[in-house]
N, C-alpha and C. Protein backbone atom coordinates (compact mmCIF):
# COMPACT_ATOMS: atom_id res chain seq x y z
N MET A 1 0.84 -1.21 0.00
CA MET A 1 0.00 0.00 0.00
C MET A 1 0.87 1.26 0.00
N ILE A 2 1.92 1.25 0.82
CA ILE A 2 2.83 2.42 0.88
C ILE A 2 3.51 2.61 -0.48
N GLU A 3 3.94 1.50 -1.09
CA GLU A 3 4.57 1.61 -2.41
C GLU A 3 3.64 2.24 -3.43
N ARG A 4 2.37 1.79 -3.40
CA ARG A 4 1.38 2.34 -4.33
C ARG A 4 1.22 3.84 -4.08
N TRP A 5 1.17 4.22 -2.80
CA TRP A 5 1.00 5.63 -2.45
C TRP A 5 2.18 6.47 -2.94
N ILE A 6 3.39 5.92 -2.80
CA ILE A 6 4.58 6.64 -3.26
C ILE A 6 4.53 6.80 -4.78
N LYS A 7 4.16 5.70 -5.49
CA LYS A 7 4.06 5.78 -6.95
C LYS A 7 3.04 6.84 -7.36
N GLU A 8 1.88 6.85 -6.67
CA GLU A 8 0.84 7.83 -7.00
C GLU A 8 1.34 9.25 -6.75
N SER A 9 2.06 9.45 -5.66
CA SER A 9 2.56 10.80 -5.36
C SER A 9 3.62 11.23 -6.37
N ILE A 10 4.43 10.26 -6.86
CA ILE A 10 5.41 10.58 -7.89
C ILE A 10 4.71 10.99 -9.18
N LEU A 11 3.67 10.21 -9.56
CA LEU A 11 2.89 10.55 -10.75
C LEU A 11 2.26 11.93 -10.59
N HIS A 12 1.75 12.19 -9.40
CA HIS A 12 1.13 13.49 -9.11
C HIS A 12 2.17 14.61 -9.26
N ASP A 13 3.38 14.36 -8.77
CA ASP A 13 4.45 15.36 -8.88
C ASP A 13 4.82 15.62 -10.33
N GLU A 14 4.85 14.54 -11.15
CA GLU A 14 5.14 14.72 -12.57
C GLU A 14 4.07 15.61 -13.21
N LYS A 15 2.80 15.36 -12.84
CA LYS A 15 1.70 16.17 -13.36
C LYS A 15 1.87 17.63 -12.91
N LEU A 16 2.24 17.82 -11.65
CA LEU A 16 2.47 19.18 -11.13
C LEU A 16 3.58 19.87 -11.91
N LYS A 17 4.65 19.14 -12.20
CA LYS A 17 5.76 19.73 -12.97
C LYS A 17 5.27 20.22 -14.32
N LYS A 18 4.47 19.36 -15.00
CA LYS A 18 3.94 19.76 -16.31
C LYS A 18 3.06 20.99 -16.17
N ASP A 19 2.16 20.98 -15.18
CA ASP A 19 1.26 22.12 -14.96
C ASP A 19 2.06 23.39 -14.66
N ASN A 20 3.07 23.24 -13.83
CA ASN A 20 3.88 24.40 -13.46
C ASN A 20 4.64 24.95 -14.66
N ASN A 21 5.13 24.06 -15.51
CA ASN A 21 5.83 24.51 -16.71
C ASN A 21 4.91 25.31 -17.62
N ILE A 22 3.63 24.91 -17.64
CA ILE A 22 2.67 25.60 -18.50
C ILE A 22 2.34 26.98 -17.91
N ASN A 23 1.99 27.02 -16.62
CA ASN A 23 1.42 28.28 -16.12
C ASN A 23 2.41 29.19 -15.39
N CYS A 24 3.65 28.73 -15.15
CA CYS A 24 4.58 29.69 -14.54
C CYS A 24 6.04 29.31 -14.81
N SER A 25 6.44 29.46 -16.05
CA SER A 25 7.83 29.17 -16.42
C SER A 25 8.78 30.25 -15.90
N SER A 26 8.27 31.47 -15.74
CA SER A 26 9.13 32.57 -15.28
C SER A 26 9.24 32.61 -13.74
N ASN A 27 8.24 32.01 -13.08
CA ASN A 27 8.20 32.08 -11.62
C ASN A 27 9.08 31.00 -11.01
N SER A 28 10.08 31.38 -10.23
CA SER A 28 11.01 30.40 -9.65
C SER A 28 10.40 29.69 -8.45
N ASN A 29 9.32 30.25 -7.92
CA ASN A 29 8.68 29.68 -6.73
C ASN A 29 8.06 28.30 -7.01
N CYS A 30 7.67 28.05 -8.27
CA CYS A 30 6.96 26.82 -8.63
C CYS A 30 7.82 25.59 -8.41
N SER A 31 9.10 25.68 -8.75
CA SER A 31 9.97 24.51 -8.67
C SER A 31 10.12 24.02 -7.23
N THR A 32 10.11 24.94 -6.26
CA THR A 32 10.25 24.53 -4.86
C THR A 32 9.03 23.73 -4.40
N VAL A 33 7.85 24.08 -4.91
CA VAL A 33 6.63 23.35 -4.56
C VAL A 33 6.72 21.91 -5.06
N VAL A 34 7.23 21.74 -6.27
CA VAL A 34 7.36 20.41 -6.88
C VAL A 34 8.40 19.59 -6.11
N VAL A 35 9.48 20.23 -5.71
CA VAL A 35 10.56 19.52 -5.00
C VAL A 35 10.11 19.11 -3.60
N LEU A 36 9.22 19.90 -3.01
CA LEU A 36 8.83 19.70 -1.61
C LEU A 36 8.13 18.36 -1.36
N ARG A 37 7.19 17.95 -2.24
CA ARG A 37 6.37 16.78 -1.93
C ARG A 37 7.14 15.46 -1.83
N PRO A 38 8.05 15.15 -2.76
CA PRO A 38 8.82 13.92 -2.59
C PRO A 38 9.63 13.93 -1.30
N VAL A 39 10.13 15.10 -0.91
CA VAL A 39 10.88 15.21 0.34
C VAL A 39 9.97 14.88 1.52
N VAL A 40 8.74 15.41 1.50
CA VAL A 40 7.77 15.13 2.56
C VAL A 40 7.48 13.63 2.62
N VAL A 41 7.30 13.00 1.45
CA VAL A 41 7.03 11.56 1.39
C VAL A 41 8.19 10.79 2.02
N VAL A 42 9.42 11.15 1.65
CA VAL A 42 10.61 10.48 2.20
C VAL A 42 10.67 10.64 3.71
N VAL A 43 10.42 11.86 4.20
CA VAL A 43 10.45 12.13 5.64
C VAL A 43 9.41 11.28 6.36
N VAL A 44 8.19 11.23 5.80
CA VAL A 44 7.12 10.43 6.42
C VAL A 44 7.52 8.96 6.48
N VAL A 45 8.05 8.43 5.37
CA VAL A 45 8.48 7.02 5.33
C VAL A 45 9.57 6.76 6.36
N VAL A 46 10.55 7.65 6.44
CA VAL A 46 11.65 7.50 7.41
C VAL A 46 11.11 7.51 8.83
N VAL A 47 10.21 8.44 9.13
CA VAL A 47 9.62 8.53 10.48
C VAL A 47 8.88 7.24 10.82
N VAL A 48 8.08 6.73 9.87
CA VAL A 48 7.33 5.49 10.11
C VAL A 48 8.30 4.34 10.39
N VAL A 49 9.36 4.22 9.59
CA VAL A 49 10.35 3.15 9.77
C VAL A 49 11.01 3.27 11.15
N VAL A 50 11.39 4.48 11.53
CA VAL A 50 12.04 4.70 12.83
C VAL A 50 11.10 4.30 13.96
N VAL A 51 9.83 4.70 13.87
CA VAL A 51 8.85 4.37 14.91
C VAL A 51 8.70 2.85 15.03
N VAL A 52 8.59 2.17 13.89
CA VAL A 52 8.44 0.71 13.89
C VAL A 52 9.66 0.06 14.54
N VAL A 53 10.86 0.50 14.18
CA VAL A 53 12.09 -0.06 14.74
C VAL A 53 12.12 0.16 16.25
N VAL A 54 11.78 1.36 16.71
CA VAL A 54 11.78 1.66 18.14
C VAL A 54 10.79 0.76 18.88
N VAL A 55 9.59 0.59 18.32
CA VAL A 55 8.57 -0.27 18.94
C VAL A 55 9.09 -1.70 19.04
N VAL A 56 9.69 -2.22 17.98
CA VAL A 56 10.22 -3.58 17.98
C VAL A 56 11.31 -3.73 19.03
N VAL A 57 12.21 -2.78 19.10
CA VAL A 57 13.31 -2.83 20.09
C VAL A 57 12.74 -2.82 21.50
N VAL A 58 11.77 -1.96 21.78
CA VAL A 58 11.15 -1.88 23.11
C VAL A 58 10.49 -3.21 23.46
N VAL A 59 9.75 -3.79 22.52
CA VAL A 59 9.08 -5.07 22.76
C VAL A 59 10.10 -6.16 23.07
N VAL A 60 11.19 -6.20 22.31
CA VAL A 60 12.24 -7.22 22.52
C VAL A 60 12.89 -7.02 23.89
N VAL A 61 13.23 -5.78 24.24
CA VAL A 61 13.88 -5.50 25.52
C VAL A 61 12.95 -5.86 26.68
N VAL A 62 11.67 -5.47 26.58
CA VAL A 62 10.70 -5.81 27.64
C VAL A 62 10.56 -7.32 27.75
N GLY A 63 10.53 -8.02 26.60
CA GLY A 63 10.45 -9.48 26.59
C GLY A 63 11.65 -10.12 27.28
N LEU A 64 12.83 -9.55 27.05
CA LEU A 64 14.05 -10.10 27.65
C LEU A 64 14.08 -9.84 29.16
N VAL A 65 13.62 -8.66 29.57
CA VAL A 65 13.63 -8.30 31.00
C VAL A 65 12.71 -9.22 31.78
N LYS A 66 11.53 -9.53 31.20
CA LYS A 66 10.60 -10.44 31.87
C LYS A 66 11.21 -11.84 31.91
């Protein structure tokens, strides 16, 4: 499901790039908007992975202590 979501967001970003090229080629602000979303996706994925790893480590440590 996450992979599908990432693919959809990449496709969406490609569409945004095309739209931005059409309606604001002179405006430099547009490119930052396009660059931002993949970065947000990566950050979200990294945060989710970190949380999962922390939860697993805590469960293992608690299991060992008991």
